[in-house]
Structures are given as structure tokens and as C-alpha cells.
Amino acid sequence: MTAFSHLKAYIPVRKDLKFRTEGNVGLVCNNQDFRIDYLNETALSIFQLIDGKRTVADIVSCFMKAVDVSADVFEHDLIEILRNFQWQKIIILKKKV
């Protein structure tokens, strides 16, 4: 079982934070420790798809409609970005009920 197949039914949920964009870069400020994280264009696109309703699989589907990249490559990149978001305390993952 791959990491993606394990996580595809989970729903990423944003934590309490402030967010804004500046061009192709996103700025996220965690309200708990006021740490600022910068998101590159890909991370920003993914972050904007996180609405607390879409599953990881839904995010892949939405992203794949907009960008020409292989699903395998994007799934790997998405898992890495979601893990980084978790380490940065930007999101949590909830199991879809």
C-alpha cells in the first residue's frame, strides 16, 4: 500500500491561521505561534483547494484538471506537501466519516 492510497480518503483541514497571496506566493501565519510560512506556487495551489470538505483524492482530481502532470508524480508531490503542512502546523488530516 502506498502513502497516497492510505491517505486518499482523508480530509485536510486548515488550522486557525491568517493567509494571503502575493503574486504566485502564499503567506501563512499560524495564530498559535505567529510563525510565517511561505508557499511556492504549487503549495499555494494545493492550499487553496483545502476547504475542509475535499478529500486528498478530490484535491488530486481538481489539480489534475488544471495542470498537465502525471498522476503518479503529483500524488507523490501532494503527499510531501501535505506532510510539510502538518509539520508546519498549517493543517490536520481527518478521516472521512
Protein backbone atom coordinates (compact mmCIF):
# COMPACT_ATOMS: atom_id res chain seq x y z
CA MET A 1 0.00 0.00 0.00
CA THR A 2 1.38 3.41 -0.98
CA ALA A 3 1.18 6.50 1.20
CA PHE A 4 -1.28 8.02 -1.27
CA SER A 5 -3.65 5.04 -1.23
CA HIS A 6 -3.63 5.22 2.58
CA LEU A 7 -4.32 8.97 2.72
CA LYS A 8 -6.69 9.46 -0.23
CA ALA A 9 -9.81 9.19 1.96
CA TYR A 10 -8.53 11.75 4.50
CA ILE A 11 -9.73 15.36 4.53
CA PRO A 12 -7.11 18.06 5.07
CA VAL A 13 -8.44 20.80 7.37
CA ARG A 14 -6.79 24.18 7.81
CA LYS A 15 -5.88 25.20 11.34
CA ASP A 16 -6.64 28.64 12.77
CA LEU A 17 -4.40 30.89 10.68
CA LYS A 18 -4.16 34.00 8.59
CA PHE A 19 -3.47 33.67 4.88
CA ARG A 20 -2.80 35.94 1.94
CA THR A 21 -1.27 35.77 -1.51
CA GLU A 22 1.34 38.00 -3.08
CA GLY A 23 1.59 37.12 -6.75
CA ASN A 24 2.39 33.40 -7.04
CA VAL A 25 3.47 33.12 -3.39
CA GLY A 26 1.32 32.42 -0.36
CA LEU A 27 1.96 33.66 3.16
CA VAL A 28 0.50 31.71 6.07
CA CYS A 29 0.66 32.93 9.66
CA ASN A 30 -0.17 30.40 12.35
CA ASN A 31 -2.25 32.16 15.03
CA GLN A 32 -0.83 29.97 17.81
CA ASP A 33 2.86 30.84 17.50
CA PHE A 34 2.74 33.62 14.85
CA ARG A 35 5.17 31.72 12.64
CA ILE A 36 5.06 32.74 8.98
CA ASP A 37 5.43 30.12 6.26
CA TYR A 38 5.89 30.87 2.58
CA LEU A 39 4.17 28.68 -0.02
CA ASN A 40 5.53 28.29 -3.53
CA GLU A 41 3.14 28.26 -6.49
CA THR A 42 2.37 24.52 -6.27
CA ALA A 43 1.92 24.52 -2.49
CA LEU A 44 -0.27 27.62 -2.81
CA SER A 45 -2.49 25.94 -5.41
CA ILE A 46 -2.90 22.92 -3.15
CA PHE A 47 -3.51 25.06 -0.06
CA GLN A 48 -6.28 26.92 -1.87
CA LEU A 49 -8.02 23.59 -2.60
CA ILE A 50 -8.08 22.67 1.10
CA ASP A 51 -11.56 23.59 2.26
CA GLY A 52 -12.25 21.00 4.96
CA LYS A 53 -14.61 19.14 2.64
CA ARG A 54 -12.41 17.78 -0.16
CA THR A 55 -10.54 14.56 0.42
CA VAL A 56 -6.95 14.09 -0.67
CA ALA A 57 -8.29 12.18 -3.71
CA ASP A 58 -10.62 15.10 -4.53
CA ILE A 59 -7.68 17.52 -4.40
CA VAL A 60 -5.77 15.34 -6.88
CA SER A 61 -8.77 15.31 -9.20
CA CYS A 62 -9.20 19.11 -9.05
CA PHE A 63 -5.50 19.78 -9.54
CA MET A 64 -5.16 17.33 -12.43
CA LYS A 65 -7.91 19.17 -14.33
CA ALA A 66 -5.89 22.38 -14.22
CA VAL A 67 -2.30 21.15 -14.70
CA ASP A 68 -0.71 18.77 -17.18
CA VAL A 69 1.33 16.44 -14.96
CA SER A 70 1.30 12.69 -14.44
CA ALA A 71 -0.93 11.49 -11.63
CA ASP A 72 1.87 9.43 -10.04
CA VAL A 73 4.21 12.43 -9.89
CA PHE A 74 1.53 14.71 -8.49
CA GLU A 75 0.35 12.18 -5.89
CA HIS A 76 3.93 11.87 -4.61
CA ASP A 77 4.37 15.65 -4.52
CA LEU A 78 0.99 16.13 -2.83
CA ILE A 79 1.85 13.72 -0.02
CA GLU A 80 5.13 15.54 0.55
CA ILE A 81 3.40 18.93 0.62
CA LEU A 82 0.67 17.70 2.98
CA ARG A 83 3.31 16.28 5.33
CA ASN A 84 5.11 19.64 5.27
CA PHE A 85 1.82 21.42 6.02
CA GLN A 86 1.33 19.11 9.00
CA TRP A 87 4.87 19.73 10.30
CA GLN A 88 4.34 23.47 9.89
CA LYS A 89 1.06 23.11 11.86
CA ILE A 90 -0.94 24.52 8.95
CA ILE A 91 -3.34 21.58 8.55
CA ILE A 92 -4.55 18.45 10.23
CA LEU A 93 -5.84 15.35 8.43
CA LYS A 94 -9.21 13.93 9.41
CA LYS A 95 -10.56 10.56 8.37
CA LYS A 96 -13.66 10.92 6.17
CA VAL A 97 -16.68 9.70 8.10
